[in-house]
All heavy atoms as atom14 arrays in JSON, in Angstrom:
{
  "sequence": "FREVAEEPRIPFEERVLHRDAHLLVVDKPHFLPVTPSGG",
  "atom14_mask": [
    [1, 1, 1, 1, 1, 1, 1, 1, 1, 1, 1, 0, 0, 0],
    [1, 1, 1, 1, 1, 1, 1, 1, 1, 1, 1, 0, 0, 0],
    [1, 1, 1, 1, 1, 1, 1, 1, 1, 0, 0, 0, 0, 0],
    [1, 1, 1, 1, 1, 1, 1, 0, 0, 0, 0, 0, 0, 0],
    [1, 1, 1, 1, 1, 0, 0, 0, 0, 0, 0, 0, 0, 0],
    [1, 1, 1, 1, 1, 1, 1, 1, 1, 0, 0, 0, 0, 0],
    [1, 1, 1, 1, 1, 1, 1, 1, 1, 0, 0, 0, 0, 0],
    [1, 1, 1, 1, 1, 1, 1, 0, 0, 0, 0, 0, 0, 0],
    [1, 1, 1, 1, 1, 1, 1, 1, 1, 1, 1, 0, 0, 0],
    [1, 1, 1, 1, 1, 1, 1, 1, 0, 0, 0, 0, 0, 0],
    [1, 1, 1, 1, 1, 1, 1, 0, 0, 0, 0, 0, 0, 0],
    [1, 1, 1, 1, 1, 1, 1, 1, 1, 1, 1, 0, 0, 0],
    [1, 1, 1, 1, 1, 1, 1, 1, 1, 0, 0, 0, 0, 0],
    [1, 1, 1, 1, 1, 1, 1, 1, 1, 0, 0, 0, 0, 0],
    [1, 1, 1, 1, 1, 1, 1, 1, 1, 1, 1, 0, 0, 0],
    [1, 1, 1, 1, 1, 1, 1, 0, 0, 0, 0, 0, 0, 0],
    [1, 1, 1, 1, 1, 1, 1, 1, 0, 0, 0, 0, 0, 0],
    [1, 1, 1, 1, 1, 1, 1, 1, 1, 1, 0, 0, 0, 0],
    [1, 1, 1, 1, 1, 1, 1, 1, 1, 1, 1, 0, 0, 0],
    [1, 1, 1, 1, 1, 1, 1, 1, 0, 0, 0, 0, 0, 0],
    [1, 1, 1, 1, 1, 0, 0, 0, 0, 0, 0, 0, 0, 0],
    [1, 1, 1, 1, 1, 1, 1, 1, 1, 1, 0, 0, 0, 0],
    [1, 1, 1, 1, 1, 1, 1, 1, 0, 0, 0, 0, 0, 0],
    [1, 1, 1, 1, 1, 1, 1, 1, 0, 0, 0, 0, 0, 0],
    [1, 1, 1, 1, 1, 1, 1, 0, 0, 0, 0, 0, 0, 0],
    [1, 1, 1, 1, 1, 1, 1, 0, 0, 0, 0, 0, 0, 0],
    [1, 1, 1, 1, 1, 1, 1, 1, 0, 0, 0, 0, 0, 0],
    [1, 1, 1, 1, 1, 1, 1, 1, 1, 0, 0, 0, 0, 0],
    [1, 1, 1, 1, 1, 1, 1, 0, 0, 0, 0, 0, 0, 0],
    [1, 1, 1, 1, 1, 1, 1, 1, 1, 1, 0, 0, 0, 0],
    [1, 1, 1, 1, 1, 1, 1, 1, 1, 1, 1, 0, 0, 0],
    [1, 1, 1, 1, 1, 1, 1, 1, 0, 0, 0, 0, 0, 0],
    [1, 1, 1, 1, 1, 1, 1, 0, 0, 0, 0, 0, 0, 0],
    [1, 1, 1, 1, 1, 1, 1, 0, 0, 0, 0, 0, 0, 0],
    [1, 1, 1, 1, 1, 1, 1, 0, 0, 0, 0, 0, 0, 0],
    [1, 1, 1, 1, 1, 1, 1, 0, 0, 0, 0, 0, 0, 0],
    [1, 1, 1, 1, 1, 1, 0, 0, 0, 0, 0, 0, 0, 0],
    [1, 1, 1, 1, 0, 0, 0, 0, 0, 0, 0, 0, 0, 0],
    [1, 1, 1, 1, 0, 0, 0, 0, 0, 0, 0, 0, 0, 0]
  ],
  "atom14_positions": [
    [[2.82, 0.26, 19.25], [3.6, 0.56, 18.03], [4.9, -0.22, 18.02], [5.72, -0.08, 18.93], [3.86, 2.08, 17.95], [2.63, 2.89, 17.65], [1.78, 3.28, 18.67], [2.31, 3.22, 16.33], [0.63, 3.99, 18.41], [1.14, 3.96, 16.09], [0.31, 4.34, 17.12], [0.0, 0.0, 0.0], [0.0, 0.0, 0.0], [0.0, 0.0, 0.0]],
    [[5.05, -1.07, 17.01], [6.32, -1.75, 16.82], [7.4, -0.77, 16.47], [7.17, 0.22, 15.77], [6.18, -2.81, 15.72], [5.25, -3.93, 15.99], [5.21, -4.89, 14.85], [6.5, -5.52, 14.62], [7.21, -5.37, 13.46], [6.76, -4.62, 12.5], [8.39, -5.98, 13.32], [0.0, 0.0, 0.0], [0.0, 0.0, 0.0], [0.0, 0.0, 0.0]],
    [[8.6, -1.03, 16.97], [9.75, -0.17, 16.69], [10.97, -1.05, 16.42], [11.11, -2.13, 16.97], [10.02, 0.77, 17.83], [8.9, 1.75, 18.11], [9.2, 2.61, 19.35], [9.71, 2.07, 20.33], [8.89, 3.81, 19.28], [0.0, 0.0, 0.0], [0.0, 0.0, 0.0], [0.0, 0.0, 0.0], [0.0, 0.0, 0.0], [0.0, 0.0, 0.0]],
    [[11.84, -0.52, 15.57], [13.13, -1.2, 15.3], [14.22, -0.18, 15.61], [14.25, 0.9, 15.09], [13.24, -1.66, 13.83], [14.62, -2.22, 13.57], [12.15, -2.69, 13.53], [0.0, 0.0, 0.0], [0.0, 0.0, 0.0], [0.0, 0.0, 0.0], [0.0, 0.0, 0.0], [0.0, 0.0, 0.0], [0.0, 0.0, 0.0], [0.0, 0.0, 0.0]],
    [[15.11, -0.58, 16.53], [16.21, 0.32, 16.93], [17.13, 0.53, 15.71], [17.54, -0.41, 15.05], [16.99, -0.28, 18.06], [0.0, 0.0, 0.0], [0.0, 0.0, 0.0], [0.0, 0.0, 0.0], [0.0, 0.0, 0.0], [0.0, 0.0, 0.0], [0.0, 0.0, 0.0], [0.0, 0.0, 0.0], [0.0, 0.0, 0.0], [0.0, 0.0, 0.0]],
    [[17.47, 1.79, 15.44], [18.41, 2.16, 14.37], [18.02, 1.55, 13.04], [18.83, 0.97, 12.35], [19.84, 1.78, 14.78], [20.27, 2.39, 16.05], [21.7, 1.99, 16.48], [22.29, 1.18, 15.74], [22.2, 2.44, 17.49], [0.0, 0.0, 0.0], [0.0, 0.0, 0.0], [0.0, 0.0, 0.0], [0.0, 0.0, 0.0], [0.0, 0.0, 0.0]],
    [[16.76, 1.69, 12.69], [16.29, 1.15, 11.39], [16.99, 1.92, 10.25], [16.89, 3.16, 10.2], [14.78, 1.3, 11.29], [14.18, 0.69, 10.05], [12.67, 0.78, 10.02], [12.08, 1.21, 11.03], [12.07, 0.4, 9.02], [0.0, 0.0, 0.0], [0.0, 0.0, 0.0], [0.0, 0.0, 0.0], [0.0, 0.0, 0.0], [0.0, 0.0, 0.0]],
    [[17.64, 1.21, 9.33], [18.37, 1.94, 8.27], [17.43, 2.52, 7.23], [16.36, 1.98, 6.98], [19.24, 0.82, 7.62], [18.49, -0.46, 7.92], [17.83, -0.26, 9.24], [0.0, 0.0, 0.0], [0.0, 0.0, 0.0], [0.0, 0.0, 0.0], [0.0, 0.0, 0.0], [0.0, 0.0, 0.0], [0.0, 0.0, 0.0], [0.0, 0.0, 0.0]],
    [[17.85, 3.59, 6.65], [17.11, 4.25, 5.56], [17.34, 3.45, 4.25], [18.48, 3.14, 3.89], [17.56, 5.68, 5.38], [17.09, 6.38, 4.1], [15.68, 6.76, 4.18], [15.22, 7.46, 2.96], [13.99, 7.81, 2.67], [13.04, 7.57, 3.56], [13.68, 8.42, 1.59], [0.0, 0.0, 0.0], [0.0, 0.0, 0.0], [0.0, 0.0, 0.0]],
    [[16.27, 3.1, 3.54], [16.39, 2.46, 2.22], [16.54, 3.57, 1.2], [15.66, 4.41, 1.05], [15.16, 1.57, 1.96], [15.13, 0.39, 2.94], [15.2, 1.05, 0.52], [13.93, -0.47, 2.86], [0.0, 0.0, 0.0], [0.0, 0.0, 0.0], [0.0, 0.0, 0.0], [0.0, 0.0, 0.0], [0.0, 0.0, 0.0], [0.0, 0.0, 0.0]],
    [[17.66, 3.57, 0.45], [18.0, 4.75, -0.37], [17.32, 4.79, -1.75], [17.97, 5.16, -2.74], [19.5, 4.6, -0.52], [19.73, 3.12, -0.54], [18.74, 2.55, 0.44], [0.0, 0.0, 0.0], [0.0, 0.0, 0.0], [0.0, 0.0, 0.0], [0.0, 0.0, 0.0], [0.0, 0.0, 0.0], [0.0, 0.0, 0.0], [0.0, 0.0, 0.0]],
    [[16.08, 4.45, -1.83], [15.32, 4.5, -3.07], [13.95, 5.13, -2.8], [13.37, 4.88, -1.75], [15.16, 3.11, -3.69], [16.47, 2.42, -3.88], [16.9, 1.41, -3.01], [17.31, 2.76, -4.94], [18.1, 0.77, -3.18], [18.53, 2.11, -5.14], [18.93, 1.13, -4.23], [0.0, 0.0, 0.0], [0.0, 0.0, 0.0], [0.0, 0.0, 0.0]],
    [[13.49, 5.91, -3.75], [12.26, 6.67, -3.52], [11.12, 6.12, -4.41], [11.32, 5.77, -5.57], [12.47, 8.14, -3.88], [13.53, 8.83, -3.0], [13.2, 8.83, -1.53], [11.99, 8.93, -1.21], [14.11, 8.72, -0.72], [0.0, 0.0, 0.0], [0.0, 0.0, 0.0], [0.0, 0.0, 0.0], [0.0, 0.0, 0.0], [0.0, 0.0, 0.0]],
    [[9.93, 6.09, -3.8], [8.74, 5.76, -4.54], [8.28, 6.96, -5.39], [8.67, 8.09, -5.1], [7.61, 5.4, -3.58], [7.1, 6.5, -2.69], [7.96, 6.79, -1.48], [9.02, 6.14, -1.31], [7.61, 7.67, -0.71], [0.0, 0.0, 0.0], [0.0, 0.0, 0.0], [0.0, 0.0, 0.0], [0.0, 0.0, 0.0], [0.0, 0.0, 0.0]],
    [[7.48, 6.7, -6.4], [6.92, 7.77, -7.26], [5.43, 7.57, -7.37], [4.97, 6.51, -7.74], [7.57, 7.77, -8.64], [7.14, 8.91, -9.53], [8.01, 9.0, -10.77], [7.76, 7.9, -11.68], [6.92, 7.95, -12.73], [6.2, 9.05, -12.93], [6.75, 6.92, -13.49], [0.0, 0.0, 0.0], [0.0, 0.0, 0.0], [0.0, 0.0, 0.0]],
    [[4.68, 8.62, -7.06], [3.23, 8.56, -7.16], [2.79, 8.67, -8.62], [3.16, 9.64, -9.31], [2.59, 9.65, -6.29], [1.06, 9.68, -6.51], [2.9, 9.46, -4.82], [0.0, 0.0, 0.0], [0.0, 0.0, 0.0], [0.0, 0.0, 0.0], [0.0, 0.0, 0.0], [0.0, 0.0, 0.0], [0.0, 0.0, 0.0], [0.0, 0.0, 0.0]],
    [[2.04, 7.69, -9.07], [1.54, 7.67, -10.46], [0.17, 8.28, -10.58], [-0.2, 8.85, -11.65], [1.49, 6.24, -10.98], [2.84, 5.49, -10.99], [2.59, 4.02, -11.39], [3.84, 6.12, -11.94], [0.0, 0.0, 0.0], [0.0, 0.0, 0.0], [0.0, 0.0, 0.0], [0.0, 0.0, 0.0], [0.0, 0.0, 0.0], [0.0, 0.0, 0.0]],
    [[-0.66, 8.18, -9.53], [-2.07, 8.61, -9.63], [-2.62, 8.74, -8.22], [-2.31, 7.95, -7.31], [-2.89, 7.62, -10.42], [-4.34, 7.92, -10.44], [-4.9, 8.84, -11.3], [-5.39, 7.41, -9.7], [-6.22, 8.88, -11.1], [-6.54, 8.05, -10.13], [0.0, 0.0, 0.0], [0.0, 0.0, 0.0], [0.0, 0.0, 0.0], [0.0, 0.0, 0.0]],
    [[-3.48, 9.73, -8.01], [-4.15, 9.89, -6.74], [-5.53, 10.52, -6.99], [-5.64, 11.54, -7.62], [-3.33, 10.79, -5.81], [-3.88, 10.97, -4.39], [-2.83, 11.63, -3.53], [-3.28, 11.84, -2.17], [-3.54, 13.02, -1.63], [-3.38, 14.13, -2.34], [-3.92, 13.13, -0.35], [0.0, 0.0, 0.0], [0.0, 0.0, 0.0], [0.0, 0.0, 0.0]],
    [[-6.58, 9.81, -6.5], [-7.9, 10.36, -6.6], [-8.61, 10.12, -5.26], [-7.94, 9.77, -4.24], [-8.71, 9.78, -7.77], [-8.88, 8.27, -7.7], [-8.96, 7.7, -6.59], [-8.95, 7.64, -8.76], [0.0, 0.0, 0.0], [0.0, 0.0, 0.0], [0.0, 0.0, 0.0], [0.0, 0.0, 0.0], [0.0, 0.0, 0.0], [0.0, 0.0, 0.0]],
    [[-9.92, 10.29, -5.19], [-10.62, 10.15, -3.91], [-10.58, 8.75, -3.34], [-10.72, 8.57, -2.13], [-12.09, 10.6, -4.08], [0.0, 0.0, 0.0], [0.0, 0.0, 0.0], [0.0, 0.0, 0.0], [0.0, 0.0, 0.0], [0.0, 0.0, 0.0], [0.0, 0.0, 0.0], [0.0, 0.0, 0.0], [0.0, 0.0, 0.0], [0.0, 0.0, 0.0]],
    [[-10.34, 7.76, -4.21], [-10.43, 6.35, -3.78], [-9.13, 5.61, -3.82], [-8.89, 4.73, -3.0], [-11.46, 5.63, -4.61], [-12.8, 6.23, -4.62], [-13.71, 6.06, -3.6], [-13.44, 7.04, -5.53], [-14.82, 6.72, -3.85], [-14.68, 7.34, -5.0], [0.0, 0.0, 0.0], [0.0, 0.0, 0.0], [0.0, 0.0, 0.0], [0.0, 0.0, 0.0]],
    [[-8.23, 5.97, -4.76], [-7.03, 5.22, -4.99], [-5.77, 6.08, -4.92], [-5.79, 7.25, -5.3], [-7.07, 4.53, -6.38], [-8.11, 3.45, -6.62], [-8.04, 3.01, -8.07], [-7.91, 2.29, -5.67], [0.0, 0.0, 0.0], [0.0, 0.0, 0.0], [0.0, 0.0, 0.0], [0.0, 0.0, 0.0], [0.0, 0.0, 0.0], [0.0, 0.0, 0.0]],
    [[-4.69, 5.46, -4.44], [-3.36, 6.03, -4.55], [-2.52, 4.97, -5.24], [-2.41, 3.82, -4.75], [-2.82, 6.36, -3.16], [-1.37, 6.89, -3.08], [-1.24, 8.18, -3.85], [-0.94, 7.09, -1.65], [0.0, 0.0, 0.0], [0.0, 0.0, 0.0], [0.0, 0.0, 0.0], [0.0, 0.0, 0.0], [0.0, 0.0, 0.0], [0.0, 0.0, 0.0]],
    [[-1.92, 5.32, -6.38], [-1.16, 4.37, -7.16], [0.33, 4.8, -7.18], [0.62, 5.96, -7.48], [-1.69, 4.28, -8.62], [-0.99, 3.14, -9.39], [-3.21, 4.07, -8.63], [0.0, 0.0, 0.0], [0.0, 0.0, 0.0], [0.0, 0.0, 0.0], [0.0, 0.0, 0.0], [0.0, 0.0, 0.0], [0.0, 0.0, 0.0], [0.0, 0.0, 0.0]],
    [[1.2, 3.88, -6.85], [2.59, 4.24, -6.61], [3.51, 3.26, -7.36], [3.26, 2.09, -7.47], [2.91, 4.18, -5.12], [4.36, 4.59, -4.82], [1.97, 5.08, -4.31], [0.0, 0.0, 0.0], [0.0, 0.0, 0.0], [0.0, 0.0, 0.0], [0.0, 0.0, 0.0], [0.0, 0.0, 0.0], [0.0, 0.0, 0.0], [0.0, 0.0, 0.0]],
    [[4.62, 3.82, -7.85], [5.7, 3.02, -8.41], [6.63, 2.69, -7.27], [7.38, 3.56, -6.79], [6.43, 3.84, -9.51], [6.69, 3.04, -10.76], [6.46, 1.8, -10.75], [7.14, 3.64, -11.77], [0.0, 0.0, 0.0], [0.0, 0.0, 0.0], [0.0, 0.0, 0.0], [0.0, 0.0, 0.0], [0.0, 0.0, 0.0], [0.0, 0.0, 0.0]],
    [[6.63, 1.44, -6.8], [7.44, 1.03, -5.69], [8.86, 0.68, -6.13], [9.03, -0.07, -7.07], [6.81, -0.2, -4.98], [7.57, -0.61, -3.72], [7.04, -1.93, -3.18], [7.75, -3.14, -3.72], [9.18, -3.24, -3.29], [0.0, 0.0, 0.0], [0.0, 0.0, 0.0], [0.0, 0.0, 0.0], [0.0, 0.0, 0.0], [0.0, 0.0, 0.0]],
    [[9.9, 1.19, -5.46], [11.26, 0.8, -5.82], [11.61, -0.61, -5.26], [10.95, -1.1, -4.35], [12.11, 1.86, -5.17], [11.32, 2.27, -3.97], [9.85, 2.19, -4.38], [0.0, 0.0, 0.0], [0.0, 0.0, 0.0], [0.0, 0.0, 0.0], [0.0, 0.0, 0.0], [0.0, 0.0, 0.0], [0.0, 0.0, 0.0], [0.0, 0.0, 0.0]],
    [[12.68, -1.18, -5.79], [13.21, -2.41, -5.23], [13.62, -2.19, -3.78], [13.98, -1.06, -3.37], [14.46, -2.86, -6.03], [14.13, -3.27, -7.43], [13.52, -4.46, -7.73], [14.39, -2.65, -8.62], [13.39, -4.55, -9.06], [13.9, -3.48, -9.62], [0.0, 0.0, 0.0], [0.0, 0.0, 0.0], [0.0, 0.0, 0.0], [0.0, 0.0, 0.0]],
    [[13.62, -3.26, -3.01], [14.13, -3.33, -1.62], [13.22, -2.68, -0.59], [13.4, -2.87, 0.63], [15.54, -2.65, -1.49], [16.58, -3.27, -2.36], [17.02, -2.67, -3.52], [17.11, -4.5, -2.03], [17.99, -3.26, -4.31], [18.07, -5.1, -2.81], [18.53, -4.47, -3.97], [0.0, 0.0, 0.0], [0.0, 0.0, 0.0], [0.0, 0.0, 0.0]],
    [[12.18, -1.94, -0.99], [11.32, -1.26, 0.0], [10.11, -2.18, 0.26], [9.35, -2.49, -0.63], [10.84, 0.07, -0.56], [9.99, 0.94, 0.38], [10.81, 1.39, 1.56], [9.4, 2.12, -0.37], [0.0, 0.0, 0.0], [0.0, 0.0, 0.0], [0.0, 0.0, 0.0], [0.0, 0.0, 0.0], [0.0, 0.0, 0.0], [0.0, 0.0, 0.0]],
    [[9.91, -2.61, 1.53], [8.73, -3.39, 1.87], [7.47, -2.58, 1.73], [7.49, -1.36, 1.9], [8.96, -3.82, 3.32], [10.36, -3.46, 3.66], [10.76, -2.37, 2.72], [0.0, 0.0, 0.0], [0.0, 0.0, 0.0], [0.0, 0.0, 0.0], [0.0, 0.0, 0.0], [0.0, 0.0, 0.0], [0.0, 0.0, 0.0], [0.0, 0.0, 0.0]],
    [[6.35, -3.24, 1.44], [5.07, -2.54, 1.37], [4.54, -2.23, 2.74], [4.11, -1.1, 3.03], [4.05, -3.35, 0.56], [2.66, -2.7, 0.6], [4.5, -3.47, -0.9], [0.0, 0.0, 0.0], [0.0, 0.0, 0.0], [0.0, 0.0, 0.0], [0.0, 0.0, 0.0], [0.0, 0.0, 0.0], [0.0, 0.0, 0.0], [0.0, 0.0, 0.0]],
    [[4.58, -3.21, 3.67], [4.04, -3.04, 5.04], [5.09, -3.48, 6.05], [6.03, -4.17, 5.69], [2.76, -3.9, 5.22], [3.1, -5.28, 4.92], [1.65, -3.44, 4.31], [0.0, 0.0, 0.0], [0.0, 0.0, 0.0], [0.0, 0.0, 0.0], [0.0, 0.0, 0.0], [0.0, 0.0, 0.0], [0.0, 0.0, 0.0], [0.0, 0.0, 0.0]],
    [[4.94, -3.07, 7.3], [5.91, -3.47, 8.33], [6.05, -4.98, 8.48], [5.05, -5.71, 8.51], [5.32, -2.83, 9.62], [4.51, -1.68, 9.12], [3.92, -2.14, 7.83], [0.0, 0.0, 0.0], [0.0, 0.0, 0.0], [0.0, 0.0, 0.0], [0.0, 0.0, 0.0], [0.0, 0.0, 0.0], [0.0, 0.0, 0.0], [0.0, 0.0, 0.0]],
    [[7.29, -5.43, 8.56], [7.61, -6.82, 8.79], [9.05, -6.94, 9.16], [9.88, -6.15, 8.69], [7.29, -7.7, 7.53], [8.09, -7.31, 6.48], [0.0, 0.0, 0.0], [0.0, 0.0, 0.0], [0.0, 0.0, 0.0], [0.0, 0.0, 0.0], [0.0, 0.0, 0.0], [0.0, 0.0, 0.0], [0.0, 0.0, 0.0], [0.0, 0.0, 0.0]],
    [[9.38, -7.94, 9.98], [10.76, -8.17, 10.36], [11.42, -6.9, 10.91], [10.93, -6.31, 11.85], [0.0, 0.0, 0.0], [0.0, 0.0, 0.0], [0.0, 0.0, 0.0], [0.0, 0.0, 0.0], [0.0, 0.0, 0.0], [0.0, 0.0, 0.0], [0.0, 0.0, 0.0], [0.0, 0.0, 0.0], [0.0, 0.0, 0.0], [0.0, 0.0, 0.0]],
    [[12.54, -6.51, 10.34], [13.26, -5.34, 10.78], [12.84, -4.06, 10.15], [13.53, -3.06, 10.26], [0.0, 0.0, 0.0], [0.0, 0.0, 0.0], [0.0, 0.0, 0.0], [0.0, 0.0, 0.0], [0.0, 0.0, 0.0], [0.0, 0.0, 0.0], [0.0, 0.0, 0.0], [0.0, 0.0, 0.0], [0.0, 0.0, 0.0], [0.0, 0.0, 0.0]]
  ]
}
């Protein structure tokens, strides 16, 4: 498991638009990465 020491909290929240058995659809805020990368 990759870890980042003292990783800062990104102060914006995602909003779930839809969720069913196959898909989860989300409104992603600015500045939030989708997957782990860099810091």
